[in-house]
Amino acid sequence: MKISNLISYVITSTLLLNMFPITATSAGPQKKIKIHGYVTNILSPNSFEIEDYKIMKDQEFVLEFENQGTDVSFNLEDIRIGTEIEVQGMINPETGELKAKKITVDLDQFRKLQNTSVLNAAPIGIQRVGNGWSGILKADGRRIRLDPTATKVLFEMTKEEKKGQEKAAKELASKKKESKDANATTQTSPETKVDGIAPNGDEVSETEPLRDISQIKPGMYMTYEGREDLGGVVNAEQIIFRRNELEKGELSFWKSLSLSVKASDYSSGKPGELKINKLGKYKLLPNQAVQDYVTNLGNKLIPAFQKNLPISDPSKINFRFFVVINKEPNAFALANGTIVVHSGMITLLENEAQLAAVLSHEMAHSTQEHSWRAINKDKGKRTALQIGAIAASAFGWGGVSDILNLTINAMVNGYSRRLENQADRIGLEYLVASGYDPREAPKVWKVMANTLGDSPTNFFYSSHDSHSTRRSFLMVEIRNNYSGLDVNSMKRDSSVDYKSIVTLTNEAVSKKKKIKVQS
């Protein structure tokens, strides 16, 4: 144990004994376990739950911290619903009681957060109060509180807008210099601005206070900073809005993921082929009913702001849905809106709402531009990698394309935890907007765990969370953001019997095994 962690343990030992007294559990088989997740329920001052695990302190107990600092303090009495922790100990599988031998807490979760989101809708619920803004803004799958005295709300120019303003400023300054009439109406003092342009040619300001809520439209970027309170509401210190212009590089990236589709022969059961540039080939499930079912379901989940964009708008995502033959339960989304669902995912799930939750999550990766944001993250580091790749290419060790391949790999195998969590939050928005019961989203991960086991994870250093982590995160988000929703009136299935779709999928996969497919 680190010395700092040992000191923390000694200091809080009395508190821990009071909060987590040693509790006898039912006799039964015990086994070692390590879980990582978000606290989903407080049972008493002495115990809490992470999804189905009931946790209490063992006699030999250790408390450790990650990312300690003088700016954040934590005691076990601070545990609340939504606290992210890792627990190691012994579990009684018959009772679900887990005696914690070690609890690890990452203190970063209590620091100020900063995140960027693409708005799904125009802001509602906030209003101008004096020189500031007040109210609760629903965005990024969260509730964000604006305080007129504590929240700075700004509008930021894009790169192109800034270039245009700077060019106009220089032209105006040049005209003023050439003017011989000192009293010309275009003349102003060097300290003033005309229509937001500095007449002396100085660099223009990139941000300005938000003047009117009508400036903010769906599809814009919003970057916010603040801290979460006990109810999961973010108390914002600053919010910056800016237009979301599809960059030339992003458009090229979309086009680079071109598709080639060879249709299946549905009558014979011969699979078609989906070929994705830079990614590979996939055998299409040869059942039209299943393909149509997934496409129709996906189209129902497309957020309204995307549906309403004209076809000519370069930001419009052309969502397309494909079911491919692969027994591994998985799905992934490409930046250009291509959603690929493995046949194993369809046959694993229990109802339509669960499949809708999977599709919504993947669609959020596309609408939130996660692949492009991943490419643009840490530009300096990426430039160094590219230089290294160019040098390596000279010796036959690969090339710059490897950098892009790493990003494409993230689309298939998962993004950083921060982006995966955002896709979970936004995915819940799409799910609820389409009338599906959001409680089915965490059940996806329960089904995964029951069938495949809970994937092990080195919690603080892995971007691939366990099923328990994903399920408990969704449970907390539903509690924090949808507590007023009448979930019992929401749907889990539609007029199409989901079990029939599972049967058709299994039959199509079985036929595939009997047919020799020409490559």
Protein backbone atom coordinates (compact mmCIF):
# COMPACT_ATOMS: atom_id res chain seq x y z
CA MET A 1 0.00 0.00 0.00
CA LYS A 2 1.22 3.50 -0.76
CA ILE A 3 2.25 5.55 2.30
CA SER A 4 -0.30 8.24 1.45
CA ASN A 5 -3.03 5.61 1.28
CA LEU A 6 -1.90 4.07 4.57
CA ILE A 7 -2.06 7.49 6.26
CA SER A 8 -5.55 8.01 4.87
CA TYR A 9 -6.59 4.64 6.22
CA VAL A 10 -5.19 5.25 9.70
CA ILE A 11 -6.81 8.69 9.94
CA THR A 12 -10.22 7.35 8.99
CA SER A 13 -10.06 4.01 10.80
CA THR A 14 -12.40 5.05 13.61
CA LEU A 15 -14.93 6.44 11.13
CA LEU A 16 -14.79 3.26 9.09
CA LEU A 17 -15.45 1.06 12.10
CA ASN A 18 -18.50 3.17 12.95
CA MET A 19 -19.82 3.33 9.42
CA PHE A 20 -19.12 -0.25 8.35
CA PRO A 21 -19.30 -2.46 11.44
CA ILE A 22 -18.44 -6.09 10.91
CA THR A 23 -21.68 -7.82 9.99
CA ALA A 24 -22.31 -11.53 10.02
CA THR A 25 -23.57 -12.90 6.73
CA SER A 26 -25.37 -16.10 5.91
CA ALA A 27 -23.20 -19.16 5.78
CA GLY A 28 -22.39 -20.27 2.29
CA PRO A 29 -19.65 -20.56 -0.31
CA GLN A 30 -17.37 -17.54 -0.49
CA LYS A 31 -15.26 -16.47 -3.46
CA LYS A 32 -12.98 -13.59 -4.29
CA ILE A 33 -14.40 -10.84 -6.46
CA LYS A 34 -13.50 -7.39 -7.74
CA ILE A 35 -16.19 -5.10 -9.04
CA HIS A 36 -16.14 -1.56 -10.33
CA GLY A 37 -19.27 0.50 -10.56
CA TYR A 38 -21.46 3.33 -9.37
CA VAL A 39 -23.35 3.17 -6.10
CA THR A 40 -26.99 2.55 -7.01
CA ASN A 41 -28.57 2.49 -3.56
CA ILE A 42 -27.79 3.36 0.06
CA LEU A 43 -29.24 0.60 2.24
CA SER A 44 -28.24 2.07 5.60
CA PRO A 45 -25.42 4.09 7.13
CA ASN A 46 -23.52 0.80 7.15
CA SER A 47 -24.08 -0.67 3.70
CA PHE A 48 -24.81 0.18 0.08
CA GLU A 49 -25.41 -1.46 -3.28
CA ILE A 50 -23.75 -1.48 -6.68
CA GLU A 51 -26.51 -2.91 -8.88
CA ASP A 52 -27.22 -6.34 -7.27
CA TYR A 53 -24.20 -6.42 -4.95
CA LYS A 54 -24.82 -5.66 -1.26
CA ILE A 55 -21.57 -4.31 0.16
CA MET A 56 -20.33 -4.12 3.75
CA LYS A 57 -16.90 -3.83 5.38
CA ASP A 58 -14.76 -6.84 6.18
CA GLN A 59 -12.71 -7.02 9.38
CA GLU A 60 -9.48 -6.58 7.41
CA PHE A 61 -10.41 -3.45 5.51
CA VAL A 62 -8.34 -1.01 3.46
CA LEU A 63 -9.38 2.30 1.91
CA GLU A 64 -7.27 3.57 -0.99
CA PHE A 65 -7.43 6.60 -3.23
CA GLU A 66 -6.40 7.41 -6.77
CA ASN A 67 -5.52 10.94 -7.94
CA GLN A 68 -5.28 12.42 -4.48
CA GLY A 69 -4.78 16.15 -3.94
CA THR A 70 -5.26 18.82 -1.33
CA ASP A 71 -8.26 20.17 -3.24
CA VAL A 72 -10.40 17.06 -2.63
CA SER A 73 -11.12 15.17 0.57
CA PHE A 74 -13.22 12.03 0.98
CA ASN A 75 -14.51 9.82 3.76
CA LEU A 76 -16.71 6.78 3.45
CA GLU A 77 -19.56 8.78 4.93
CA ASP A 78 -19.41 10.79 1.69
CA ILE A 79 -20.53 7.79 -0.37
CA ARG A 80 -23.78 8.58 -2.15
CA ILE A 81 -25.77 7.28 -5.08
CA GLY A 82 -23.59 7.80 -8.13
CA THR A 83 -20.21 7.55 -6.37
CA GLU A 84 -17.81 5.56 -8.53
CA ILE A 85 -15.74 3.00 -6.61
CA GLU A 86 -13.90 -0.28 -6.95
CA VAL A 87 -14.50 -2.99 -4.36
CA GLN A 88 -12.42 -6.09 -3.74
CA GLY A 89 -13.51 -8.75 -1.29
CA MET A 90 -15.35 -12.00 -0.70
CA ILE A 91 -18.88 -12.58 -1.97
CA ASN A 92 -21.54 -15.03 -0.94
CA PRO A 93 -23.18 -15.92 -4.28
CA GLU A 94 -26.30 -17.17 -2.51
CA THR A 95 -27.05 -13.87 -0.77
CA GLY A 96 -25.18 -11.38 -2.97
CA GLU A 97 -23.47 -10.00 0.15
CA LEU A 98 -19.96 -8.75 -0.52
CA LYS A 99 -17.51 -8.26 2.35
CA ALA A 100 -15.20 -5.50 1.14
CA LYS A 101 -11.55 -6.00 1.97
CA LYS A 102 -10.52 -2.98 -0.07
CA ILE A 103 -12.40 0.00 -1.50
CA THR A 104 -10.65 2.23 -4.01
CA VAL A 105 -11.98 5.68 -4.85
CA ASP A 106 -10.80 7.83 -7.75
CA LEU A 107 -10.98 11.38 -6.41
CA ASP A 108 -11.06 12.90 -9.90
CA GLN A 109 -14.83 12.34 -9.95
CA PHE A 110 -15.26 15.05 -7.30
CA ARG A 111 -13.33 17.68 -9.23
CA LYS A 112 -14.73 20.12 -11.76
CA LEU A 113 -15.82 18.39 -14.95
CA GLN A 114 -15.61 19.72 -18.49
CA ASN A 115 -17.38 18.19 -21.44
CA THR A 116 -18.46 19.01 -24.98
CA SER A 117 -21.75 17.87 -26.50
CA VAL A 118 -23.65 18.32 -29.75
CA LEU A 119 -27.07 19.72 -28.83
CA ASN A 120 -30.01 17.48 -29.68
CA ALA A 121 -32.50 20.31 -29.25
CA ALA A 122 -32.71 24.05 -28.74
CA PRO A 123 -32.33 24.97 -25.06
CA ILE A 124 -35.51 25.26 -23.02
CA GLY A 125 -36.03 25.92 -19.34
CA ILE A 126 -33.59 28.82 -19.03
CA GLN A 127 -34.26 32.54 -19.11
CA ARG A 128 -32.44 35.85 -18.99
CA VAL A 129 -32.16 37.34 -15.50
CA GLY A 130 -30.41 40.69 -15.41
CA ASN A 131 -27.06 40.25 -17.13
CA GLY A 132 -27.05 36.47 -16.66
CA TRP A 133 -29.04 33.30 -17.27
CA SER A 134 -31.05 31.17 -14.86
CA GLY A 135 -32.74 27.77 -14.94
CA ILE A 136 -32.10 24.08 -15.61
CA LEU A 137 -30.77 23.24 -19.06
CA LYS A 138 -31.27 19.67 -20.27
CA ALA A 139 -28.34 18.82 -22.50
CA ASP A 140 -25.71 16.07 -22.88
CA GLY A 141 -28.15 13.71 -21.18
CA ARG A 142 -27.77 15.77 -18.00
CA ARG A 143 -29.47 18.51 -16.05
CA ILE A 144 -27.25 21.59 -15.97
CA ARG A 145 -28.07 24.44 -13.58
CA LEU A 146 -27.38 28.04 -14.65
CA ASP A 147 -27.05 30.74 -12.01
CA PRO A 148 -27.23 34.37 -13.20
CA THR A 149 -24.42 35.42 -10.85
CA ALA A 150 -22.22 32.29 -10.97
CA THR A 151 -22.53 30.96 -14.55
CA LYS A 152 -20.73 32.63 -17.42
CA VAL A 153 -22.63 31.95 -20.67
CA LEU A 154 -20.75 32.74 -23.88
CA PHE A 155 -21.09 32.43 -27.63
CA GLU A 156 -17.87 31.53 -29.46
CA MET A 157 -16.96 32.05 -33.08
CA THR A 158 -15.84 29.14 -35.21
CA LYS A 159 -12.45 29.21 -36.91
CA GLU A 160 -14.02 30.30 -40.19
CA GLU A 161 -16.09 33.01 -38.52
CA LYS A 162 -13.03 34.34 -36.76
CA LYS A 163 -11.07 34.43 -40.04
CA GLY A 164 -13.93 36.29 -41.67
CA GLN A 165 -14.09 38.85 -38.86
CA GLU A 166 -10.33 39.39 -38.93
CA LYS A 167 -10.38 39.85 -42.69
CA ALA A 168 -13.25 42.35 -42.43
CA ALA A 169 -11.44 44.19 -39.63
CA LYS A 170 -8.30 44.58 -41.76
CA GLU A 171 -10.29 45.77 -44.76
CA LEU A 172 -12.14 48.32 -42.65
CA ALA A 173 -8.90 49.57 -41.08
CA SER A 174 -7.35 49.92 -44.56
CA LYS A 175 -10.32 51.93 -45.85
CA LYS A 176 -10.20 54.23 -42.84
CA LYS A 177 -6.51 54.84 -43.35
CA GLU A 178 -7.12 55.84 -46.97
CA SER A 179 -10.01 58.10 -46.13
CA LYS A 180 -9.23 61.83 -46.33
CA ASP A 181 -12.39 62.94 -44.69
CA ALA A 182 -11.78 62.98 -40.94
CA ASN A 183 -15.51 63.36 -40.34
CA ALA A 184 -16.55 60.42 -42.51
CA THR A 185 -19.38 58.37 -41.00
CA THR A 186 -17.22 55.25 -40.98
CA GLN A 187 -14.67 56.84 -38.66
CA THR A 188 -14.77 55.77 -35.03
CA SER A 189 -12.30 55.94 -32.21
CA PRO A 190 -9.73 53.12 -32.03
CA GLU A 191 -11.33 51.87 -28.83
CA THR A 192 -14.76 51.18 -30.36
CA LYS A 193 -16.04 48.41 -32.60
CA VAL A 194 -18.36 48.44 -35.60
CA ASP A 195 -20.69 45.41 -35.72
CA GLY A 196 -18.28 43.52 -33.46
CA ILE A 197 -15.27 44.26 -35.68
CA ALA A 198 -12.22 46.05 -34.34
CA PRO A 199 -11.74 48.98 -36.76
CA ASN A 200 -8.03 49.28 -35.92
CA GLY A 201 -7.39 45.81 -37.32
CA ASP A 202 -6.57 44.25 -33.95
CA GLU A 203 -7.47 40.62 -33.35
CA VAL A 204 -11.18 40.29 -32.68
CA SER A 205 -12.56 38.63 -29.56
CA GLU A 206 -13.42 34.94 -30.03
CA THR A 207 -16.23 34.97 -27.47
CA GLU A 208 -18.99 37.28 -26.38
CA PRO A 209 -21.76 36.99 -23.79
CA LEU A 210 -24.84 35.16 -25.05
CA ARG A 211 -27.39 37.83 -25.94
CA ASP A 212 -30.43 35.84 -27.06
CA ILE A 213 -31.40 32.21 -26.58
CA SER A 214 -32.60 32.16 -30.20
CA GLN A 215 -28.91 32.14 -31.18
CA ILE A 216 -28.69 28.54 -30.02
CA LYS A 217 -29.84 25.85 -32.45
CA PRO A 218 -29.90 22.04 -32.45
CA GLY A 219 -26.66 20.56 -33.74
CA MET A 220 -24.47 23.26 -32.16
CA TYR A 221 -21.57 22.47 -29.87
CA MET A 222 -21.88 23.19 -26.16
CA THR A 223 -18.89 23.04 -23.82
CA TYR A 224 -19.67 23.28 -20.12
CA GLU A 225 -17.70 23.28 -16.88
CA GLY A 226 -18.98 22.67 -13.37
CA ARG A 227 -19.46 20.25 -10.50
CA GLU A 228 -22.15 17.67 -9.92
CA ASP A 229 -24.26 18.00 -6.80
CA LEU A 230 -25.73 15.15 -4.73
CA GLY A 231 -28.70 14.84 -7.10
CA GLY A 232 -26.57 14.56 -10.23
CA VAL A 233 -27.24 18.14 -11.38
CA VAL A 234 -24.21 19.97 -12.79
CA ASN A 235 -23.82 23.44 -11.30
CA ALA A 236 -22.28 25.19 -14.29
CA GLU A 237 -19.52 27.73 -13.90
CA GLN A 238 -19.21 28.35 -17.63
CA ILE A 239 -21.05 27.35 -20.80
CA ILE A 240 -19.80 28.12 -24.30
CA PHE A 241 -21.96 27.63 -27.40
CA ARG A 242 -20.64 27.65 -30.96
CA ARG A 243 -21.86 26.69 -34.39
CA ASN A 244 -20.96 23.23 -35.59
CA GLU A 245 -19.50 23.52 -39.07
CA LEU A 246 -18.55 20.27 -40.76
CA GLU A 247 -14.82 20.61 -41.28
CA LYS A 248 -13.24 19.66 -44.57
CA GLY A 249 -11.14 16.98 -42.88
CA GLU A 250 -14.17 15.50 -41.16
CA LEU A 251 -16.09 15.29 -44.42
CA SER A 252 -13.10 13.55 -46.02
CA PHE A 253 -13.01 11.15 -43.08
CA TRP A 254 -16.70 10.33 -43.58
CA LYS A 255 -16.12 9.67 -47.28
CA SER A 256 -13.09 7.49 -46.58
CA LEU A 257 -15.39 4.99 -44.84
CA SER A 258 -17.14 4.15 -48.09
CA LEU A 259 -19.44 1.15 -48.35
CA SER A 260 -19.89 -1.53 -50.96
CA VAL A 261 -22.98 -3.68 -50.52
CA LYS A 262 -23.67 -6.96 -52.32
CA ALA A 263 -27.27 -7.99 -51.64
CA SER A 264 -28.12 -11.34 -50.07
CA ASP A 265 -30.07 -13.95 -51.99
CA TYR A 266 -32.96 -14.22 -49.58
CA SER A 267 -34.68 -17.07 -51.44
CA SER A 268 -31.66 -19.39 -51.18
CA GLY A 269 -30.34 -18.05 -47.89
CA LYS A 270 -27.03 -17.03 -49.42
CA PRO A 271 -25.46 -14.15 -47.45
CA GLY A 272 -24.63 -10.91 -49.12
CA GLU A 273 -21.52 -8.92 -48.33
CA LEU A 274 -20.90 -5.58 -46.67
CA LYS A 275 -17.48 -4.16 -47.46
CA ILE A 276 -16.33 -1.13 -45.48
CA ASN A 277 -13.25 0.65 -46.76
CA LYS A 278 -10.34 0.49 -44.27
CA LEU A 279 -12.29 -1.89 -42.04
CA GLY A 280 -13.04 -5.16 -43.81
CA LYS A 281 -15.75 -7.46 -45.16
CA TYR A 282 -18.83 -8.76 -43.35
CA LYS A 283 -21.37 -11.42 -44.32
CA LEU A 284 -24.86 -9.93 -44.32
CA LEU A 285 -27.56 -11.95 -42.58
CA PRO A 286 -29.69 -13.40 -45.42
CA ASN A 287 -33.12 -12.63 -44.01
CA GLN A 288 -34.98 -9.59 -45.28
CA ALA A 289 -37.47 -9.50 -42.39
CA VAL A 290 -34.66 -9.17 -39.85
CA GLN A 291 -32.79 -6.56 -41.90
CA ASP A 292 -35.99 -4.52 -42.39
CA TYR A 293 -36.89 -4.84 -38.72
CA VAL A 294 -33.54 -3.43 -37.55
CA THR A 295 -33.62 -0.66 -40.17
CA ASN A 296 -37.17 0.38 -39.22
CA LEU A 297 -36.29 0.35 -35.52
CA GLY A 298 -33.15 2.40 -36.14
CA ASN A 299 -35.05 4.97 -38.21
CA LYS A 300 -37.51 5.48 -35.33
CA LEU A 301 -34.61 6.32 -33.02
CA ILE A 302 -32.96 9.01 -35.20
CA PRO A 303 -33.08 12.28 -33.21
CA ALA A 304 -35.49 14.90 -34.51
CA PHE A 305 -32.81 17.50 -35.27
CA GLN A 306 -31.11 15.05 -37.64
CA LYS A 307 -34.37 14.00 -39.28
CA ASN A 308 -35.27 17.64 -39.91
CA LEU A 309 -32.00 18.54 -41.63
CA PRO A 310 -32.39 18.83 -45.42
CA ILE A 311 -30.58 16.24 -47.50
CA SER A 312 -28.37 19.01 -48.89
CA ASP A 313 -27.02 19.88 -45.43
CA PRO A 314 -23.47 18.46 -45.14
CA SER A 315 -24.06 17.79 -41.43
CA LYS A 316 -26.95 15.42 -42.10
CA ILE A 317 -26.02 11.86 -41.16
CA ASN A 318 -27.25 9.18 -43.55
CA PHE A 319 -27.97 6.44 -41.03
CA ARG A 320 -27.87 2.94 -42.48
CA PHE A 321 -28.33 -0.29 -40.53
CA PHE A 322 -26.90 -3.72 -41.32
CA VAL A 323 -27.13 -7.08 -39.54
CA VAL A 324 -24.06 -9.21 -40.12
CA ILE A 325 -23.35 -12.82 -39.25
CA ASN A 326 -21.20 -12.92 -36.14
CA LYS A 327 -22.01 -14.87 -32.98
CA GLU A 328 -20.22 -12.34 -30.75
CA PRO A 329 -22.84 -10.00 -29.23
CA ASN A 330 -21.66 -6.62 -30.43
CA ALA A 331 -22.57 -3.57 -32.49
CA PHE A 332 -20.63 -0.57 -33.73
CA ALA A 333 -21.17 2.75 -35.47
CA LEU A 334 -19.09 4.56 -38.05
CA ALA A 335 -18.71 8.32 -38.20
CA ASN A 336 -20.86 8.48 -41.36
CA GLY A 337 -23.87 6.85 -39.68
CA THR A 338 -23.32 3.24 -40.70
CA ILE A 339 -24.52 1.01 -37.84
CA VAL A 340 -23.47 -2.65 -37.86
CA VAL A 341 -25.24 -5.13 -35.58
CA HIS A 342 -23.92 -8.65 -35.00
CA SER A 343 -26.45 -11.46 -35.24
CA GLY A 344 -25.24 -12.59 -31.80
CA MET A 345 -26.51 -9.36 -30.27
CA ILE A 346 -30.02 -9.88 -31.61
CA THR A 347 -30.25 -13.47 -30.36
CA LEU A 348 -28.86 -12.56 -26.92
CA LEU A 349 -31.33 -9.78 -26.07
CA GLU A 350 -34.82 -10.25 -24.64
CA ASN A 351 -36.96 -7.57 -26.27
CA GLU A 352 -37.13 -4.69 -28.73
CA ALA A 353 -36.42 -2.00 -26.14
CA GLN A 354 -33.09 -3.62 -25.32
CA LEU A 355 -32.10 -3.67 -29.00
CA ALA A 356 -33.28 -0.06 -29.26
CA ALA A 357 -30.96 0.80 -26.34
CA VAL A 358 -28.02 -0.74 -28.20
CA LEU A 359 -28.84 1.12 -31.42
CA SER A 360 -29.38 4.41 -29.58
CA HIS A 361 -25.99 4.12 -27.90
CA GLU A 362 -24.26 3.48 -31.21
CA MET A 363 -26.14 6.30 -32.96
CA ALA A 364 -25.00 8.67 -30.22
CA HIS A 365 -21.39 7.90 -31.13
CA SER A 366 -22.18 9.21 -34.63
CA THR A 367 -24.24 12.28 -33.67
CA GLN A 368 -21.71 13.29 -31.02
CA GLU A 369 -18.90 12.96 -33.58
CA HIS A 370 -16.84 10.80 -31.27
CA SER A 371 -14.49 9.47 -33.92
CA TRP A 372 -13.63 12.96 -35.20
CA ARG A 373 -13.24 14.28 -31.67
CA ALA A 374 -10.95 11.35 -30.89
CA ILE A 375 -8.85 12.16 -33.95
CA ASN A 376 -8.53 15.80 -32.88
CA LYS A 377 -7.79 15.06 -29.23
CA ASP A 378 -4.21 15.77 -28.15
CA LYS A 379 -3.14 17.13 -31.53
CA GLY A 380 0.44 17.60 -30.40
CA LYS A 381 0.78 13.97 -29.42
CA ARG A 382 -0.82 12.87 -32.68
CA THR A 383 1.56 15.02 -34.70
CA ALA A 384 4.47 13.34 -32.93
CA LEU A 385 2.95 9.96 -33.72
CA GLN A 386 2.50 10.92 -37.36
CA ILE A 387 6.11 12.07 -37.63
CA GLY A 388 7.17 8.80 -36.08
CA ALA A 389 4.92 6.90 -38.45
CA ILE A 390 6.39 8.68 -41.47
CA ALA A 391 9.88 7.81 -40.29
CA ALA A 392 8.82 4.23 -39.62
CA SER A 393 7.28 4.04 -43.08
CA ALA A 394 10.66 4.82 -44.63
CA PHE A 395 11.94 1.63 -43.04
CA GLY A 396 8.90 -0.42 -43.94
CA TRP A 397 7.32 -0.33 -40.48
CA GLY A 398 3.91 1.11 -41.41
CA GLY A 399 2.64 4.56 -42.25
CA VAL A 400 0.46 7.48 -41.31
CA SER A 401 -2.62 5.40 -42.08
CA ASP A 402 -1.92 3.47 -38.88
CA ILE A 403 -3.02 6.54 -36.93
CA LEU A 404 -6.37 6.49 -38.71
CA ASN A 405 -6.64 2.73 -38.19
CA LEU A 406 -6.33 3.25 -34.44
CA THR A 407 -9.30 5.62 -34.56
CA ILE A 408 -11.36 3.25 -36.69
CA ASN A 409 -10.53 0.48 -34.23
CA ALA A 410 -12.04 2.63 -31.47
CA MET A 411 -15.34 2.76 -33.39
CA VAL A 412 -15.53 -1.04 -33.30
CA ASN A 413 -14.03 -1.82 -29.91
CA GLY A 414 -15.03 1.18 -27.83
CA TYR A 415 -13.95 4.72 -27.10
CA SER A 416 -12.61 6.26 -23.91
CA ARG A 417 -14.73 5.88 -20.80
CA ARG A 418 -15.74 9.54 -21.01
CA LEU A 419 -17.12 9.18 -24.55
CA GLU A 420 -18.76 5.82 -23.78
CA ASN A 421 -20.51 7.39 -20.79
CA GLN A 422 -21.69 10.26 -22.97
CA ALA A 423 -23.05 7.80 -25.55
CA ASP A 424 -24.93 6.05 -22.73
CA ARG A 425 -26.48 9.35 -21.56
CA ILE A 426 -27.40 10.55 -25.06
CA GLY A 427 -28.60 7.07 -26.01
CA LEU A 428 -31.06 7.18 -23.11
CA GLU A 429 -32.41 10.47 -24.52
CA TYR A 430 -33.06 8.86 -27.92
CA LEU A 431 -34.61 5.82 -26.26
CA VAL A 432 -37.02 7.84 -24.11
CA ALA A 433 -37.90 10.21 -26.98
CA SER A 434 -39.00 7.17 -29.00
CA GLY A 435 -41.21 5.90 -26.19
CA TYR A 436 -39.12 2.98 -24.94
CA ASP A 437 -38.69 2.04 -21.28
CA PRO A 438 -35.20 3.31 -20.31
CA ARG A 439 -34.90 0.60 -17.64
CA GLU A 440 -34.26 -1.88 -20.44
CA ALA A 441 -30.92 -0.19 -21.20
CA PRO A 442 -29.15 -1.37 -18.02
CA LYS A 443 -30.83 -4.77 -18.46
CA VAL A 444 -28.77 -5.20 -21.64
CA TRP A 445 -25.66 -5.38 -19.50
CA LYS A 446 -27.34 -7.71 -17.03
CA VAL A 447 -28.17 -10.08 -19.87
CA MET A 448 -24.57 -9.79 -21.10
CA ALA A 449 -23.21 -10.57 -17.62
CA ASN A 450 -25.55 -13.53 -17.10
CA THR A 451 -24.58 -15.02 -20.44
CA LEU A 452 -20.92 -14.10 -20.77
CA GLY A 453 -19.84 -13.27 -17.22
CA ASP A 454 -18.71 -9.89 -15.99
CA SER A 455 -15.68 -8.90 -18.03
CA PRO A 456 -12.65 -8.26 -15.80
CA THR A 457 -11.25 -4.76 -15.88
CA ASN A 458 -8.33 -2.91 -14.36
CA PHE A 459 -10.73 -0.15 -13.41
CA PHE A 460 -8.57 2.98 -13.37
CA TYR A 461 -6.48 2.15 -16.42
CA SER A 462 -8.94 0.50 -18.79
CA SER A 463 -11.32 2.19 -21.20
CA HIS A 464 -13.38 -0.99 -21.48
CA ASP A 465 -15.67 -1.12 -18.50
CA SER A 466 -17.16 -4.28 -17.07
CA HIS A 467 -20.82 -5.07 -17.51
CA SER A 468 -21.42 -4.11 -13.86
CA THR A 469 -19.88 -0.71 -14.48
CA ARG A 470 -22.02 0.01 -17.52
CA ARG A 471 -25.21 -1.24 -15.88
CA SER A 472 -24.73 0.68 -12.64
CA PHE A 473 -23.88 3.87 -14.57
CA LEU A 474 -27.12 3.64 -16.53
CA MET A 475 -29.13 2.89 -13.38
CA VAL A 476 -27.79 6.06 -11.75
CA GLU A 477 -28.45 8.17 -14.86
CA ILE A 478 -32.06 6.97 -15.05
CA ARG A 479 -32.56 7.77 -11.37
CA ASN A 480 -31.02 11.24 -11.68
CA ASN A 481 -32.61 12.34 -14.94
CA TYR A 482 -35.82 10.36 -15.48
CA SER A 483 -37.27 9.98 -12.00
CA GLY A 484 -40.45 11.81 -13.03
CA LEU A 485 -41.05 9.61 -16.06
CA ASP A 486 -43.98 7.19 -16.04
CA VAL A 487 -41.81 4.26 -17.11
CA ASN A 488 -44.59 1.72 -16.63
CA SER A 489 -46.48 3.25 -19.54
CA MET A 490 -43.51 2.97 -21.89
CA LYS A 491 -42.98 0.13 -24.35
CA ARG A 492 -40.62 -2.80 -24.38
CA ASP A 493 -41.92 -4.40 -27.56
CA SER A 494 -43.84 -3.30 -30.64
CA SER A 495 -46.35 -5.05 -32.87
CA VAL A 496 -43.50 -7.23 -34.13
CA ASP A 497 -42.85 -10.22 -31.89
CA TYR A 498 -39.18 -9.97 -30.90
CA LYS A 499 -38.95 -13.73 -30.33
CA SER A 500 -39.88 -14.27 -33.97
CA ILE A 501 -36.99 -12.01 -35.01
CA VAL A 502 -34.64 -14.08 -32.85
CA THR A 503 -35.95 -17.28 -34.47
CA LEU A 504 -35.51 -15.88 -37.99
CA THR A 505 -31.98 -14.73 -37.12
CA ASN A 506 -31.01 -18.17 -35.82
CA GLU A 507 -32.48 -19.85 -38.90
CA ALA A 508 -30.58 -17.52 -41.24
CA VAL A 509 -27.31 -18.19 -39.43
CA SER A 510 -27.91 -21.95 -39.57
CA LYS A 511 -28.57 -21.84 -43.32
CA LYS A 512 -25.38 -19.91 -43.80
CA LYS A 513 -23.38 -22.76 -42.32
CA LYS A 514 -24.72 -25.19 -44.95
CA ILE A 515 -23.95 -22.97 -47.91
CA LYS A 516 -20.51 -22.49 -49.35
CA VAL A 517 -20.13 -18.76 -49.90
CA GLN A 518 -17.82 -17.63 -52.71
CA SER A 519 -15.42 -14.92 -51.57
